[in-house]
Amino acid sequence: MSVDTYAKKANKSAYRTVKDKGVEVLISKHLASKAAAVLIEQKKFLFFKWLSVRAQLYGHAT
């Protein structure tokens, strides 16, 4: 997993963009082609923030 808060100049051609709740997540095209769903979850407690991204693959139950 890689996290970058500034990717405006990055080459995004190898990635697919998923946007949800004001967050943009770049997912490799290989993973996106095998994913049935991409789930983005944001949690906040006081001044702490967590972000989790889960991919549900075709043919696999979660």
C-alpha atoms as a PDB file:
ATOM      1  CA  MET A   1       0.000   0.000   0.000  1.00  0.00           C
ATOM      2  CA  SER A   2       1.186   3.502  -0.757  1.00  0.00           C
ATOM      3  CA  VAL A   3      -0.216   6.791   0.464  1.00  0.00           C
ATOM      4  CA  ASP A   4       0.438  10.136  -1.162  1.00  0.00           C
ATOM      5  CA  THR A   5      -1.424  13.323  -0.394  1.00  0.00           C
ATOM      6  CA  TYR A   6      -0.057  15.178  -3.431  1.00  0.00           C
ATOM      7  CA  ALA A   7      -0.133  13.298  -6.732  1.00  0.00           C
ATOM      8  CA  LYS A   8      -0.991  16.013  -9.246  1.00  0.00           C
ATOM      9  CA  LYS A   9       2.210  15.593 -11.279  1.00  0.00           C
ATOM     10  CA  ALA A  10       2.351  11.800 -10.985  1.00  0.00           C
ATOM     11  CA  ASN A  11       1.800   9.530 -13.971  1.00  0.00           C
ATOM     12  CA  LYS A  12      -1.615   7.975 -13.256  1.00  0.00           C
ATOM     13  CA  SER A  13      -1.924   5.987 -16.488  1.00  0.00           C
ATOM     14  CA  ALA A  14      -1.395   2.642 -14.706  1.00  0.00           C
ATOM     15  CA  TYR A  15      -4.175   3.391 -12.225  1.00  0.00           C
ATOM     16  CA  ARG A  16      -7.936   3.677 -12.128  1.00  0.00           C
ATOM     17  CA  THR A  17      -9.522   6.407  -9.995  1.00  0.00           C
ATOM     18  CA  VAL A  18     -12.240   5.680  -7.425  1.00  0.00           C
ATOM     19  CA  LYS A  19     -13.867   8.696  -5.748  1.00  0.00           C
ATOM     20  CA  ASP A  20     -16.052   8.589  -2.657  1.00  0.00           C
ATOM     21  CA  LYS A  21     -16.823  11.008   0.182  1.00  0.00           C
ATOM     22  CA  GLY A  22     -14.300  13.572  -1.022  1.00  0.00           C
ATOM     23  CA  VAL A  23     -11.454  11.029  -1.229  1.00  0.00           C
ATOM     24  CA  GLU A  24      -9.792   9.967  -4.466  1.00  0.00           C
ATOM     25  CA  VAL A  25      -8.120   6.558  -4.411  1.00  0.00           C
ATOM     26  CA  LEU A  26      -5.868   5.281  -7.201  1.00  0.00           C
ATOM     27  CA  ILE A  27      -6.123   1.523  -7.744  1.00  0.00           C
ATOM     28  CA  SER A  28      -3.955  -0.450 -10.130  1.00  0.00           C
ATOM     29  CA  LYS A  29      -5.814  -1.424 -13.294  1.00  0.00           C
ATOM     30  CA  HIS A  30      -4.894  -5.073 -12.677  1.00  0.00           C
ATOM     31  CA  LEU A  31      -6.637  -5.048  -9.273  1.00  0.00           C
ATOM     32  CA  ALA A  32      -9.577  -2.995 -10.579  1.00  0.00           C
ATOM     33  CA  SER A  33     -10.220  -5.541 -13.346  1.00  0.00           C
ATOM     34  CA  LYS A  34     -10.515  -8.313 -10.742  1.00  0.00           C
ATOM     35  CA  ALA A  35     -12.512  -6.355  -8.139  1.00  0.00           C
ATOM     36  CA  ALA A  36     -16.272  -6.648  -7.832  1.00  0.00           C
ATOM     37  CA  ALA A  37     -16.336  -3.672  -5.443  1.00  0.00           C
ATOM     38  CA  VAL A  38     -13.965  -1.225  -3.793  1.00  0.00           C
ATOM     39  CA  LEU A  39     -15.026  -0.108  -0.322  1.00  0.00           C
ATOM     40  CA  ILE A  40     -13.705   3.120   1.227  1.00  0.00           C
ATOM     41  CA  GLU A  41     -14.256   3.656   4.944  1.00  0.00           C
ATOM     42  CA  GLN A  42     -13.364   6.803   6.875  1.00  0.00           C
ATOM     43  CA  LYS A  43     -13.352   7.035  10.658  1.00  0.00           C
ATOM     44  CA  LYS A  44     -12.694   9.987  12.905  1.00  0.00           C
ATOM     45  CA  PHE A  45     -12.070  10.215  16.649  1.00  0.00           C
ATOM     46  CA  LEU A  46     -11.109  13.564  18.173  1.00  0.00           C
ATOM     47  CA  PHE A  47      -8.311  14.777  15.884  1.00  0.00           C
ATOM     48  CA  PHE A  48      -7.331  11.304  14.593  1.00  0.00           C
ATOM     49  CA  LYS A  49      -8.516  10.136  11.175  1.00  0.00           C
ATOM     50  CA  TRP A  50      -8.355   6.656   9.639  1.00  0.00           C
ATOM     51  CA  LEU A  51      -8.922   5.611   6.070  1.00  0.00           C
ATOM     52  CA  SER A  52      -9.281   2.023   4.949  1.00  0.00           C
ATOM     53  CA  VAL A  53      -9.763   0.731   1.437  1.00  0.00           C
ATOM     54  CA  ARG A  54     -10.898  -2.838   0.803  1.00  0.00           C
ATOM     55  CA  ALA A  55     -11.339  -4.570  -2.533  1.00  0.00           C
ATOM     56  CA  GLN A  56     -13.841  -7.388  -2.877  1.00  0.00           C
ATOM     57  CA  LEU A  57     -12.653  -9.788  -5.561  1.00  0.00           C
ATOM     58  CA  TYR A  58     -14.958 -11.620  -7.961  1.00  0.00           C
ATOM     59  CA  GLY A  59     -15.845 -15.078  -6.655  1.00  0.00           C
ATOM     60  CA  HIS A  60     -14.740 -14.371  -3.084  1.00  0.00           C
ATOM     61  CA  ALA A  61     -17.080 -13.646  -0.177  1.00  0.00           C
ATOM     62  CA  THR A  62     -16.067 -11.208   2.551  1.00  0.00           C
END
